């Protein structure tokens, strides 16, 4: 009886794990993906969130043993927001349903999260096959990684990886606002902004099967991601953002004023009043940008504190490794 009580107590103390698979028209691969994650993490519940698929993705996922739910608003960001809101777990493993990520790596990522008390672990993609990345996607990924590092001081080498493990603290304090593929960039910036503990592990990235196609549109989604990064920089680092604009305007104003001042010092006259007025107006605009930066910076600090307080409201995970949580471990 004591052994049974002890076993039940240990069972109750084990962190619960949820595997989250956002899907849109992945009928060709979703059953294999669900099966592989169920084998890798037998204690986890696998959730497939179908995003208006028309090819039988939901039916294939349900037949493979996943809990199937639906998100009517199109876009990966909308799906992730719904998953984090609806699913209650201690640890969230998020991946794609196209079998390009290695499900057998999931236990190691969970172990790392628990052992080092992290809030997010990113599976950085290392393409094992030449065709895994389209050429435009490879270039765009490298470019945006450099932009993110320059803007936010990102420690990550792959900010767009869809293979991630999150703590409950992270998922429930993440105020998702993106609707599309820019959601990965938003997840990354959230971790950087709150100075959360994170990790990154290089993992093989395979190519899609012949009958499976990427939903990412290189130019359209690339432009949306760039716009999202600029907006997040404005929200997270407003003093730098508006200060940069103020500096450019101030330099332009001084450039316009320099010949007028020189003429005045030489002749005592101001012959170009329109230019002088323009220079003064541009300098006023520069000061307005600086004031905007100071005001928005105060607002941003308040929002950051609110997110931090929400994060601290949630309990931290125990350090029990995943190997000890699996049956027979």
C-alpha atoms as a PDB file:
ATOM      1  CA  UNK A   1       0.000   0.000   0.000  1.00  0.00           C
ATOM      2  CA  UNK A   2       2.875   2.311   0.815  1.00  0.00           C
ATOM      3  CA  UNK A   3       4.479   1.485  -2.536  1.00  0.00           C
ATOM      4  CA  UNK A   4       1.234   2.285  -4.334  1.00  0.00           C
ATOM      5  CA  UNK A   5       0.872   5.610  -2.505  1.00  0.00           C
ATOM      6  CA  UNK A   6       4.475   6.476  -3.265  1.00  0.00           C
ATOM      7  CA  UNK A   7       4.025   5.577  -6.922  1.00  0.00           C
ATOM      8  CA  UNK A   8       0.876   7.697  -7.150  1.00  0.00           C
ATOM      9  CA  UNK A   9       2.671  10.631  -5.513  1.00  0.00           C
ATOM     10  CA  UNK A  10       5.563  10.347  -7.965  1.00  0.00           C
ATOM     11  CA  UNK A  11       3.109  10.099 -10.857  1.00  0.00           C
ATOM     12  CA  UNK A  12       1.303  13.239  -9.716  1.00  0.00           C
ATOM     13  CA  UNK A  13       4.587  15.140  -9.403  1.00  0.00           C
ATOM     14  CA  UNK A  14       5.749  14.351 -12.941  1.00  0.00           C
ATOM     15  CA  UNK A  15       5.587  17.319 -15.307  1.00  0.00           C
ATOM     16  CA  UNK A  16       2.940  16.860 -17.983  1.00  0.00           C
ATOM     17  CA  UNK A  17       4.079  17.138 -21.599  1.00  0.00           C
ATOM     18  CA  UNK A  18       2.041  18.272 -24.611  1.00  0.00           C
ATOM     19  CA  UNK A  19       3.227  17.950 -28.201  1.00  0.00           C
ATOM     20  CA  UNK A  20       1.728  20.721 -30.341  1.00  0.00           C
ATOM     21  CA  UNK A  21       1.578  20.286 -34.117  1.00  0.00           C
ATOM     22  CA  UNK A  22       0.065  23.179 -36.112  1.00  0.00           C
ATOM     23  CA  UNK A  23      -1.014  21.834 -39.505  1.00  0.00           C
ATOM     24  CA  UNK A  24      -2.352  23.019 -42.827  1.00  0.00           C
ATOM     25  CA  UNK A  25      -2.749  20.417 -45.587  1.00  0.00           C
ATOM     26  CA  UNK A  26      -0.246  17.898 -44.199  1.00  0.00           C
ATOM     27  CA  UNK A  27      -2.237  14.699 -44.804  1.00  0.00           C
ATOM     28  CA  UNK A  28       0.772  13.073 -46.488  1.00  0.00           C
ATOM     29  CA  UNK A  29       2.975  13.292 -43.376  1.00  0.00           C
ATOM     30  CA  UNK A  30       0.882  13.989 -40.278  1.00  0.00           C
ATOM     31  CA  UNK A  31       0.182  10.352 -39.367  1.00  0.00           C
ATOM     32  CA  UNK A  32       3.897   9.497 -39.438  1.00  0.00           C
ATOM     33  CA  UNK A  33       4.702  12.641 -37.436  1.00  0.00           C
ATOM     34  CA  UNK A  34       2.121  11.863 -34.751  1.00  0.00           C
ATOM     35  CA  UNK A  35       3.281   8.259 -34.511  1.00  0.00           C
ATOM     36  CA  UNK A  36       6.931   9.263 -34.206  1.00  0.00           C
ATOM     37  CA  UNK A  37       6.259  11.784 -31.413  1.00  0.00           C
ATOM     38  CA  UNK A  38       4.051   9.302 -29.538  1.00  0.00           C
ATOM     39  CA  UNK A  39       6.895   6.782 -29.680  1.00  0.00           C
ATOM     40  CA  UNK A  40       9.530   9.344 -28.610  1.00  0.00           C
ATOM     41  CA  UNK A  41       7.426  10.797 -25.777  1.00  0.00           C
ATOM     42  CA  UNK A  42       4.985   8.059 -24.683  1.00  0.00           C
ATOM     43  CA  UNK A  43       3.920  10.067 -21.627  1.00  0.00           C
ATOM     44  CA  UNK A  44       2.926  13.081 -23.743  1.00  0.00           C
ATOM     45  CA  UNK A  45      -0.413  13.996 -25.276  1.00  0.00           C
ATOM     46  CA  UNK A  46      -0.100  14.875 -28.966  1.00  0.00           C
ATOM     47  CA  UNK A  47      -2.337  17.714 -30.170  1.00  0.00           C
ATOM     48  CA  UNK A  48      -2.866  18.481 -33.841  1.00  0.00           C
ATOM     49  CA  UNK A  49      -4.407  21.876 -34.568  1.00  0.00           C
ATOM     50  CA  UNK A  50      -5.878  21.813 -38.051  1.00  0.00           C
ATOM     51  CA  UNK A  51      -5.918  25.202 -39.778  1.00  0.00           C
ATOM     52  CA  UNK A  52      -8.690  24.796 -42.381  1.00  0.00           C
ATOM     53  CA  UNK A  53      -7.038  21.888 -44.219  1.00  0.00           C
ATOM     54  CA  UNK A  54      -8.818  20.525 -47.284  1.00  0.00           C
ATOM     55  CA  UNK A  55      -6.875  17.276 -47.762  1.00  0.00           C
ATOM     56  CA  UNK A  56      -7.962  15.130 -44.789  1.00  0.00           C
ATOM     57  CA  UNK A  57      -5.218  16.214 -42.378  1.00  0.00           C
ATOM     58  CA  UNK A  58      -7.549  16.156 -39.362  1.00  0.00           C
ATOM     59  CA  UNK A  59      -8.863  12.677 -40.144  1.00  0.00           C
ATOM     60  CA  UNK A  60      -5.353  11.265 -40.631  1.00  0.00           C
ATOM     61  CA  UNK A  61      -4.153  12.833 -37.378  1.00  0.00           C
ATOM     62  CA  UNK A  62      -7.108  11.479 -35.416  1.00  0.00           C
ATOM     63  CA  UNK A  63      -6.579   7.987 -36.820  1.00  0.00           C
ATOM     64  CA  UNK A  64      -2.924   8.147 -35.733  1.00  0.00           C
ATOM     65  CA  UNK A  65      -3.931   8.837 -32.126  1.00  0.00           C
ATOM     66  CA  UNK A  66      -3.678  12.615 -31.837  1.00  0.00           C
ATOM     67  CA  UNK A  67      -6.137  14.919 -30.120  1.00  0.00           C
ATOM     68  CA  UNK A  68      -7.432  16.996 -33.038  1.00  0.00           C
ATOM     69  CA  UNK A  69      -8.641  20.557 -32.657  1.00  0.00           C
ATOM     70  CA  UNK A  70      -9.407  23.280 -35.159  1.00  0.00           C
ATOM     71  CA  UNK A  71      -8.394  26.921 -35.583  1.00  0.00           C
ATOM     72  CA  UNK A  72     -10.576  28.823 -38.090  1.00  0.00           C
ATOM     73  CA  UNK A  73      -8.351  31.910 -38.385  1.00  0.00           C
ATOM     74  CA  UNK A  74      -5.773  31.207 -41.070  1.00  0.00           C
ATOM     75  CA  UNK A  75      -2.067  31.517 -40.266  1.00  0.00           C
ATOM     76  CA  UNK A  76       0.486  29.782 -38.070  1.00  0.00           C
ATOM     77  CA  UNK A  77       0.590  32.642 -35.566  1.00  0.00           C
ATOM     78  CA  UNK A  78      -3.148  32.320 -34.985  1.00  0.00           C
ATOM     79  CA  UNK A  79      -2.743  28.582 -34.428  1.00  0.00           C
ATOM     80  CA  UNK A  80       0.105  28.992 -31.924  1.00  0.00           C
ATOM     81  CA  UNK A  81      -1.891  31.583 -29.975  1.00  0.00           C
ATOM     82  CA  UNK A  82      -4.825  29.162 -29.780  1.00  0.00           C
ATOM     83  CA  UNK A  83      -2.627  26.214 -28.766  1.00  0.00           C
ATOM     84  CA  UNK A  84      -0.955  28.099 -25.917  1.00  0.00           C
ATOM     85  CA  UNK A  85      -4.335  29.359 -24.707  1.00  0.00           C
ATOM     86  CA  UNK A  86      -6.214  26.042 -24.865  1.00  0.00           C
ATOM     87  CA  UNK A  87      -3.678  23.374 -23.894  1.00  0.00           C
ATOM     88  CA  UNK A  88      -2.762  23.012 -20.242  1.00  0.00           C
ATOM     89  CA  UNK A  89       0.624  21.335 -19.607  1.00  0.00           C
ATOM     90  CA  UNK A  90       3.905  21.868 -17.782  1.00  0.00           C
ATOM     91  CA  UNK A  91       6.036  21.438 -20.912  1.00  0.00           C
ATOM     92  CA  UNK A  92       5.119  22.181 -24.524  1.00  0.00           C
ATOM     93  CA  UNK A  93       6.928  20.595 -27.476  1.00  0.00           C
ATOM     94  CA  UNK A  94       6.095  22.433 -30.696  1.00  0.00           C
ATOM     95  CA  UNK A  95       6.999  21.114 -34.134  1.00  0.00           C
ATOM     96  CA  UNK A  96       5.657  21.017 -37.684  1.00  0.00           C
ATOM     97  CA  UNK A  97       3.597  18.198 -39.109  1.00  0.00           C
ATOM     98  CA  UNK A  98       5.755  17.627 -42.196  1.00  0.00           C
ATOM     99  CA  UNK A  99       8.386  15.235 -40.716  1.00  0.00           C
ATOM    100  CA  UNK A 100      11.257  17.626 -41.489  1.00  0.00           C
ATOM    101  CA  UNK A 101      12.148  17.719 -37.777  1.00  0.00           C
ATOM    102  CA  UNK A 102      13.488  14.706 -35.883  1.00  0.00           C
ATOM    103  CA  UNK A 103      10.929  13.530 -33.277  1.00  0.00           C
ATOM    104  CA  UNK A 104      13.531  11.304 -31.565  1.00  0.00           C
ATOM    105  CA  UNK A 105      15.341  14.470 -30.437  1.00  0.00           C
ATOM    106  CA  UNK A 106      12.345  15.602 -28.364  1.00  0.00           C
ATOM    107  CA  UNK A 107      13.268  13.753 -25.122  1.00  0.00           C
ATOM    108  CA  UNK A 108      16.728  15.332 -25.178  1.00  0.00           C
ATOM    109  CA  UNK A 109      15.251  18.804 -25.631  1.00  0.00           C
ATOM    110  CA  UNK A 110      12.835  18.222 -22.748  1.00  0.00           C
ATOM    111  CA  UNK A 111      15.677  16.933 -20.558  1.00  0.00           C
ATOM    112  CA  UNK A 112      17.730  20.046 -21.309  1.00  0.00           C
ATOM    113  CA  UNK A 113      14.785  22.307 -20.431  1.00  0.00           C
ATOM    114  CA  UNK A 114      14.315  20.547 -17.096  1.00  0.00           C
ATOM    115  CA  UNK A 115      17.961  20.038 -16.180  1.00  0.00           C
ATOM    116  CA  UNK A 116      19.026  23.645 -16.790  1.00  0.00           C
ATOM    117  CA  UNK A 117      15.699  25.172 -15.711  1.00  0.00           C
ATOM    118  CA  UNK A 118      15.213  26.854 -19.082  1.00  0.00           C
ATOM    119  CA  UNK A 119      12.085  28.453 -20.487  1.00  0.00           C
ATOM    120  CA  UNK A 120      12.713  27.750 -24.169  1.00  0.00           C
ATOM    121  CA  UNK A 121      14.922  25.348 -26.103  1.00  0.00           C
ATOM    122  CA  UNK A 122      15.270  25.871 -29.863  1.00  0.00           C
ATOM    123  CA  UNK A 123      16.149  23.045 -32.235  1.00  0.00           C
ATOM    124  CA  UNK A 124      18.434  24.883 -34.670  1.00  0.00           C
ATOM    125  CA  UNK A 125      18.110  23.408 -38.141  1.00  0.00           C
ATOM    126  CA  UNK A 126      21.143  21.801 -39.759  1.00  0.00           C
ATOM    127  CA  UNK A 127      20.058  20.610 -43.187  1.00  0.00           C
ATOM    128  CA  UNK A 128      21.209  17.057 -43.716  1.00  0.00           C
ATOM    129  CA  UNK A 129      20.214  17.147 -47.379  1.00  0.00           C
ATOM    130  CA  UNK A 130      20.952  19.806 -49.979  1.00  0.00           C
ATOM    131  CA  UNK A 131      17.270  20.059 -50.959  1.00  0.00           C
ATOM    132  CA  UNK A 132      16.009  20.560 -47.393  1.00  0.00           C
ATOM    133  CA  UNK A 133      16.096  24.361 -47.789  1.00  0.00           C
ATOM    134  CA  UNK A 134      15.039  26.245 -50.873  1.00  0.00           C
ATOM    135  CA  UNK A 135      17.798  28.642 -51.922  1.00  0.00           C
ATOM    136  CA  UNK A 136      15.715  31.732 -51.192  1.00  0.00           C
ATOM    137  CA  UNK A 137      14.748  30.380 -47.768  1.00  0.00           C
ATOM    138  CA  UNK A 138      18.379  29.638 -46.889  1.00  0.00           C
ATOM    139  CA  UNK A 139      19.467  33.180 -47.804  1.00  0.00           C
ATOM    140  CA  UNK A 140      16.476  34.771 -46.046  1.00  0.00           C
ATOM    141  CA  UNK A 141      17.053  32.753 -42.882  1.00  0.00           C
ATOM    142  CA  UNK A 142      20.708  33.837 -42.699  1.00  0.00           C
ATOM    143  CA  UNK A 143      19.799  37.472 -43.435  1.00  0.00           C
ATOM    144  CA  UNK A 144      17.049  37.687 -40.810  1.00  0.00           C
ATOM    145  CA  UNK A 145      19.216  35.984 -38.209  1.00  0.00           C
ATOM    146  CA  UNK A 146      21.813  38.730 -38.692  1.00  0.00           C
ATOM    147  CA  UNK A 147      19.154  41.453 -38.584  1.00  0.00           C
ATOM    148  CA  UNK A 148      17.717  40.052 -35.347  1.00  0.00           C
ATOM    149  CA  UNK A 149      21.163  39.843 -33.785  1.00  0.00           C
ATOM    150  CA  UNK A 150      21.855  43.480 -34.727  1.00  0.00           C
ATOM    151  CA  UNK A 151      18.467  44.697 -33.451  1.00  0.00           C
ATOM    152  CA  UNK A 152      18.028  42.689 -30.266  1.00  0.00           C
ATOM    153  CA  UNK A 153      21.361  41.042 -29.512  1.00  0.00           C
ATOM    154  CA  UNK A 154      19.883  37.625 -30.322  1.00  0.00           C
ATOM    155  CA  UNK A 155      21.964  34.641 -29.116  1.00  0.00           C
ATOM    156  CA  UNK A 156      20.177  32.274 -31.526  1.00  0.00           C
ATOM    157  CA  UNK A 157      21.542  30.938 -34.789  1.00  0.00           C
ATOM    158  CA  UNK A 158      18.121  29.935 -36.123  1.00  0.00           C
ATOM    159  CA  UNK A 159      15.334  32.272 -35.060  1.00  0.00           C
ATOM    160  CA  UNK A 160      12.824  30.704 -37.463  1.00  0.00           C
ATOM    161  CA  UNK A 161      13.032  27.115 -36.287  1.00  0.00           C
ATOM    162  CA  UNK A 162       9.596  25.653 -35.681  1.00  0.00           C
ATOM    163  CA  UNK A 163      10.980  22.945 -33.379  1.00  0.00           C
ATOM    164  CA  UNK A 164      10.900  24.330 -29.841  1.00  0.00           C
ATOM    165  CA  UNK A 165      10.260  23.266 -26.272  1.00  0.00           C
ATOM    166  CA  UNK A 166       8.657  25.709 -23.831  1.00  0.00           C
ATOM    167  CA  UNK A 167       7.978  25.854 -20.139  1.00  0.00           C
ATOM    168  CA  UNK A 168       4.465  26.602 -18.942  1.00  0.00           C
ATOM    169  CA  UNK A 169       5.775  29.940 -17.677  1.00  0.00           C
ATOM    170  CA  UNK A 170       6.818  30.908 -21.194  1.00  0.00           C
ATOM    171  CA  UNK A 171       3.686  29.731 -22.980  1.00  0.00           C
ATOM    172  CA  UNK A 172       1.229  31.339 -20.583  1.00  0.00           C
ATOM    173  CA  UNK A 173       3.064  34.681 -20.405  1.00  0.00           C
ATOM    174  CA  UNK A 174       3.536  35.012 -24.183  1.00  0.00           C
ATOM    175  CA  UNK A 175       1.223  37.719 -25.612  1.00  0.00           C
ATOM    176  CA  UNK A 176       1.140  36.460 -29.194  1.00  0.00           C
ATOM    177  CA  UNK A 177       0.107  39.075 -31.723  1.00  0.00           C
ATOM    178  CA  UNK A 178       1.434  37.633 -35.006  1.00  0.00           C
ATOM    179  CA  UNK A 179      -0.881  35.839 -37.386  1.00  0.00           C
ATOM    180  CA  UNK A 180       1.529  34.134 -39.791  1.00  0.00           C
ATOM    181  CA  UNK A 181       5.036  32.684 -40.071  1.00  0.00           C
ATOM    182  CA  UNK A 182       6.480  35.672 -38.212  1.00  0.00           C
ATOM    183  CA  UNK A 183       5.399  33.959 -34.981  1.00  0.00           C
ATOM    184  CA  UNK A 184       8.844  32.350 -34.537  1.00  0.00           C
ATOM    185  CA  UNK A 185      10.509  35.766 -34.582  1.00  0.00           C
ATOM    186  CA  UNK A 186       8.001  36.988 -31.992  1.00  0.00           C
ATOM    187  CA  UNK A 187       8.726  33.979 -29.743  1.00  0.00           C
ATOM    188  CA  UNK A 188      12.434  34.752 -29.968  1.00  0.00           C
ATOM    189  CA  UNK A 189      12.052  38.446 -29.166  1.00  0.00           C
ATOM    190  CA  UNK A 190       9.757  37.649 -26.212  1.00  0.00           C
ATOM    191  CA  UNK A 191      12.506  35.512 -24.670  1.00  0.00           C
ATOM    192  CA  UNK A 192      15.159  38.179 -25.292  1.00  0.00           C
ATOM    193  CA  UNK A 193      12.993  41.028 -23.987  1.00  0.00           C
ATOM    194  CA  UNK A 194      12.217  39.291 -20.680  1.00  0.00           C
ATOM    195  CA  UNK A 195      15.784  37.919 -20.412  1.00  0.00           C
ATOM    196  CA  UNK A 196      14.473  34.382 -20.049  1.00  0.00           C
ATOM    197  CA  UNK A 197      16.856  31.453 -19.838  1.00  0.00           C
ATOM    198  CA  UNK A 198      17.041  29.693 -23.193  1.00  0.00           C
ATOM    199  CA  UNK A 199      19.062  27.077 -25.013  1.00  0.00           C
ATOM    200  CA  UNK A 200      19.711  26.040 -28.601  1.00  0.00           C
ATOM    201  CA  UNK A 201      20.604  22.580 -29.921  1.00  0.00           C
ATOM    202  CA  UNK A 202      21.666  21.871 -33.529  1.00  0.00           C
ATOM    203  CA  UNK A 203      19.424  19.185 -35.031  1.00  0.00           C
ATOM    204  CA  UNK A 204      19.165  17.573 -38.472  1.00  0.00           C
ATOM    205  CA  UNK A 205      16.587  19.057 -40.797  1.00  0.00           C
ATOM    206  CA  UNK A 206      15.280  16.840 -43.572  1.00  0.00           C
ATOM    207  CA  UNK A 207      13.529  17.651 -46.816  1.00  0.00           C
ATOM    208  CA  UNK A 208       9.816  17.283 -47.304  1.00  0.00           C
ATOM    209  CA  UNK A 209       8.389  14.238 -49.085  1.00  0.00           C
ATOM    210  CA  UNK A 210       7.633  14.749 -52.789  1.00  0.00           C
ATOM    211  CA  UNK A 211       3.883  15.051 -52.179  1.00  0.00           C
ATOM    212  CA  UNK A 212       4.308  17.665 -49.405  1.00  0.00           C
ATOM    213  CA  UNK A 213       4.851  21.364 -50.062  1.00  0.00           C
ATOM    214  CA  UNK A 214       6.004  24.322 -47.956  1.00  0.00           C
ATOM    215  CA  UNK A 215       3.340  26.945 -47.193  1.00  0.00           C
ATOM    216  CA  UNK A 216       5.942  29.710 -46.803  1.00  0.00           C
ATOM    217  CA  UNK A 217       5.866  32.325 -49.587  1.00  0.00           C
ATOM    218  CA  UNK A 218       9.430  33.622 -49.913  1.00  0.00           C
ATOM    219  CA  UNK A 219       8.818  37.278 -50.785  1.00  0.00           C
ATOM    220  CA  UNK A 220       5.416  37.898 -49.223  1.00  0.00           C
ATOM    221  CA  UNK A 221       6.219  36.237 -45.903  1.00  0.00           C
ATOM    222  CA  UNK A 222       9.743  37.664 -45.945  1.00  0.00           C
ATOM    223  CA  UNK A 223       8.315  41.179 -46.190  1.00  0.00           C
ATOM    224  CA  UNK A 224       5.862  40.455 -43.367  1.00  0.00           C
ATOM    225  CA  UNK A 225       8.646  39.111 -41.164  1.00  0.00           C
ATOM    226  CA  UNK A 226      10.810  42.175 -41.810  1.00  0.00           C
ATOM    227  CA  UNK A 227       7.893  44.481 -40.987  1.00  0.00           C
ATOM    228  CA  UNK A 228       7.214  42.496 -37.825  1.00  0.00           C
ATOM    229  CA  UNK A 229      10.859  42.774 -36.721  1.00  0.00           C
ATOM    230  CA  UNK A 230      10.815  46.549 -37.248  1.00  0.00           C
ATOM    231  CA  UNK A 231       7.576  46.883 -35.252  1.00  0.00           C
ATOM    232  CA  UNK A 232       8.926  44.705 -32.449  1.00  0.00           C
ATOM    233  CA  UNK A 233      12.119  46.781 -32.374  1.00  0.00           C
ATOM    234  CA  UNK A 234       9.985  49.912 -32.058  1.00  0.00           C
ATOM    235  CA  UNK A 235       8.000  48.313 -29.207  1.00  0.00           C
ATOM    236  CA  UNK A 236      10.913  46.693 -27.355  1.00  0.00           C
ATOM    237  CA  UNK A 237      13.631  49.303 -27.951  1.00  0.00           C
ATOM    238  CA  UNK A 238      11.627  52.525 -28.531  1.00  0.00           C
ATOM    239  CA  UNK A 239      14.300  54.919 -27.301  1.00  0.00           C
ATOM    240  CA  UNK A 240      16.808  53.503 -29.764  1.00  0.00           C
ATOM    241  CA  UNK A 241      14.236  53.411 -32.575  1.00  0.00           C
ATOM    242  CA  UNK A 242      12.969  56.960 -32.188  1.00  0.00           C
ATOM    243  CA  UNK A 243      16.426  58.178 -31.149  1.00  0.00           C
ATOM    244  CA  UNK A 244      17.845  56.935 -34.447  1.00  0.00           C
ATOM    245  CA  UNK A 245      15.152  58.814 -36.384  1.00  0.00           C
ATOM    246  CA  UNK A 246      15.780  61.921 -34.249  1.00  0.00           C
ATOM    247  CA  UNK A 247      19.511  61.703 -34.948  1.00  0.00           C
ATOM    248  CA  UNK A 248      18.975  61.458 -38.713  1.00  0.00           C
ATOM    249  CA  UNK A 249      16.584  64.424 -38.675  1.00  0.00           C
ATOM    250  CA  UNK A 250      18.938  66.487 -36.528  1.00  0.00           C
ATOM    251  CA  UNK A 251      21.820  65.834 -38.923  1.00  0.00           C
ATOM    252  CA  UNK A 252      19.605  66.800 -41.875  1.00  0.00           C
ATOM    253  CA  UNK A 253      18.611  70.014 -40.087  1.00  0.00           C
ATOM    254  CA  UNK A 254      22.243  70.894 -39.349  1.00  0.00           C
ATOM    255  CA  UNK A 255      23.170  70.148 -42.964  1.00  0.00           C
ATOM    256  CA  UNK A 256      20.512  72.581 -44.181  1.00  0.00           C
ATOM    257  CA  UNK A 257      21.516  75.211 -41.640  1.00  0.00           C
ATOM    258  CA  UNK A 258      25.299  75.077 -42.168  1.00  0.00           C
ATOM    259  CA  UNK A 259      25.515  77.231 -45.351  1.00  0.00           C
ATOM    260  CA  UNK A 260      22.968  79.700 -43.931  1.00  0.00           C
ATOM    261  CA  UNK A 261      25.026  80.171 -40.759  1.00  0.00           C
ATOM    262  CA  UNK A 262      28.194  80.522 -42.795  1.00  0.00           C
ATOM    263  CA  UNK A 263      26.600  83.212 -44.978  1.00  0.00           C
ATOM    264  CA  UNK A 264      25.312  85.030 -41.898  1.00  0.00           C
ATOM    265  CA  UNK A 265      28.761  85.029 -40.266  1.00  0.00           C
ATOM    266  CA  UNK A 266      30.330  86.410 -43.456  1.00  0.00           C
ATOM    267  CA  UNK A 267      27.725  89.003 -44.439  1.00  0.00           C
ATOM    268  CA  UNK A 268      25.382  89.418 -41.477  1.00  0.00           C
ATOM    269  CA  UNK A 269      22.461  88.544 -43.764  1.00  0.00           C
ATOM    270  CA  UNK A 270      20.064  85.581 -43.997  1.00  0.00           C
ATOM    271  CA  UNK A 271      19.168  85.474 -47.705  1.00  0.00           C
ATOM    272  CA  UNK A 272      17.442  82.038 -47.781  1.00  0.00           C
ATOM    273  CA  UNK A 273      14.510  82.246 -45.387  1.00  0.00           C
ATOM    274  CA  UNK A 274      12.645  79.171 -46.769  1.00  0.00           C
ATOM    275  CA  UNK A 275      15.700  76.967 -46.131  1.00  0.00           C
ATOM    276  CA  UNK A 276      16.142  78.466 -42.671  1.00  0.00           C
ATOM    277  CA  UNK A 277      12.488  77.769 -41.835  1.00  0.00           C
ATOM    278  CA  UNK A 278      12.793  74.204 -43.186  1.00  0.00           C
ATOM    279  CA  UNK A 279      15.918  73.615 -41.093  1.00  0.00           C
ATOM    280  CA  UNK A 280      14.170  74.815 -37.932  1.00  0.00           C
ATOM    281  CA  UNK A 281      11.098  72.662 -38.683  1.00  0.00           C
ATOM    282  CA  UNK A 282      13.218  69.553 -39.216  1.00  0.00           C
ATOM    283  CA  UNK A 283      15.042  70.178 -35.924  1.00  0.00           C
ATOM    284  CA  UNK A 284      11.693  70.540 -34.130  1.00  0.00           C
ATOM    285  CA  UNK A 285      10.625  67.236 -35.652  1.00  0.00           C
ATOM    286  CA  UNK A 286      13.843  65.654 -34.373  1.00  0.00           C
ATOM    287  CA  UNK A 287      13.045  66.800 -30.822  1.00  0.00           C
ATOM    288  CA  UNK A 288       9.478  65.490 -31.180  1.00  0.00           C
ATOM    289  CA  UNK A 289      10.865  62.068 -32.174  1.00  0.00           C
ATOM    290  CA  UNK A 290      13.116  62.099 -29.131  1.00  0.00           C
ATOM    291  CA  UNK A 291      10.193  62.940 -26.847  1.00  0.00           C
ATOM    292  CA  UNK A 292       8.143  60.156 -28.477  1.00  0.00           C
ATOM    293  CA  UNK A 293      10.983  57.766 -27.745  1.00  0.00           C
ATOM    294  CA  UNK A 294      11.057  58.758 -24.075  1.00  0.00           C
ATOM    295  CA  UNK A 295       7.265  58.397 -23.702  1.00  0.00           C
ATOM    296  CA  UNK A 296       7.019  55.060 -25.537  1.00  0.00           C
ATOM    297  CA  UNK A 297      10.039  53.752 -23.616  1.00  0.00           C
ATOM    298  CA  UNK A 298       8.176  54.355 -20.345  1.00  0.00           C
ATOM    299  CA  UNK A 299       5.093  52.560 -21.729  1.00  0.00           C
ATOM    300  CA  UNK A 300       7.255  49.691 -22.984  1.00  0.00           C
ATOM    301  CA  UNK A 301       8.838  49.340 -19.552  1.00  0.00           C
ATOM    302  CA  UNK A 302       5.381  49.054 -17.987  1.00  0.00           C
ATOM    303  CA  UNK A 303       4.314  46.369 -20.459  1.00  0.00           C
ATOM    304  CA  UNK A 304       7.542  44.473 -19.827  1.00  0.00           C
ATOM    305  CA  UNK A 305       6.906  44.530 -16.085  1.00  0.00           C
ATOM    306  CA  UNK A 306       3.348  43.239 -16.599  1.00  0.00           C
ATOM    307  CA  UNK A 307       4.623  40.335 -18.704  1.00  0.00           C
ATOM    308  CA  UNK A 308       7.304  39.635 -16.129  1.00  0.00           C
ATOM    309  CA  UNK A 309       4.788  39.607 -13.281  1.00  0.00           C
ATOM    310  CA  UNK A 310       2.564  37.209 -15.236  1.00  0.00           C
ATOM    311  CA  UNK A 311       5.615  34.993 -15.786  1.00  0.00           C
ATOM    312  CA  UNK A 312       6.478  35.030 -12.073  1.00  0.00           C
ATOM    313  CA  UNK A 313       2.881  34.156 -11.125  1.00  0.00           C
ATOM    314  CA  UNK A 314       3.419  30.674 -12.584  1.00  0.00           C
ATOM    315  CA  UNK A 315       5.380  27.970 -10.723  1.00  0.00           C
ATOM    316  CA  UNK A 316       8.789  26.847 -11.961  1.00  0.00           C
ATOM    317  CA  UNK A 317       9.327  23.284 -13.185  1.00  0.00           C
ATOM    318  CA  UNK A 318      11.082  20.611 -11.171  1.00  0.00           C
ATOM    319  CA  UNK A 319      14.442  19.311 -12.375  1.00  0.00           C
ATOM    320  CA  UNK A 320      13.373  15.676 -12.869  1.00  0.00           C
ATOM    321  CA  UNK A 321      14.828  14.451 -16.206  1.00  0.00           C
ATOM    322  CA  UNK A 322      12.588  13.008 -18.880  1.00  0.00           C
ATOM    323  CA  UNK A 323      14.385   9.649 -18.753  1.00  0.00           C
ATOM    324  CA  UNK A 324      13.152   9.181 -15.183  1.00  0.00           C
ATOM    325  CA  UNK A 325       9.610  10.089 -16.215  1.00  0.00           C
ATOM    326  CA  UNK A 326       9.248   7.491 -18.946  1.00  0.00           C
ATOM    327  CA  UNK A 327       7.901   4.066 -18.084  1.00  0.00           C
ATOM    328  CA  UNK A 328      10.686   1.770 -17.007  1.00  0.00           C
ATOM    329  CA  UNK A 329      13.082   4.758 -16.492  1.00  0.00           C
END
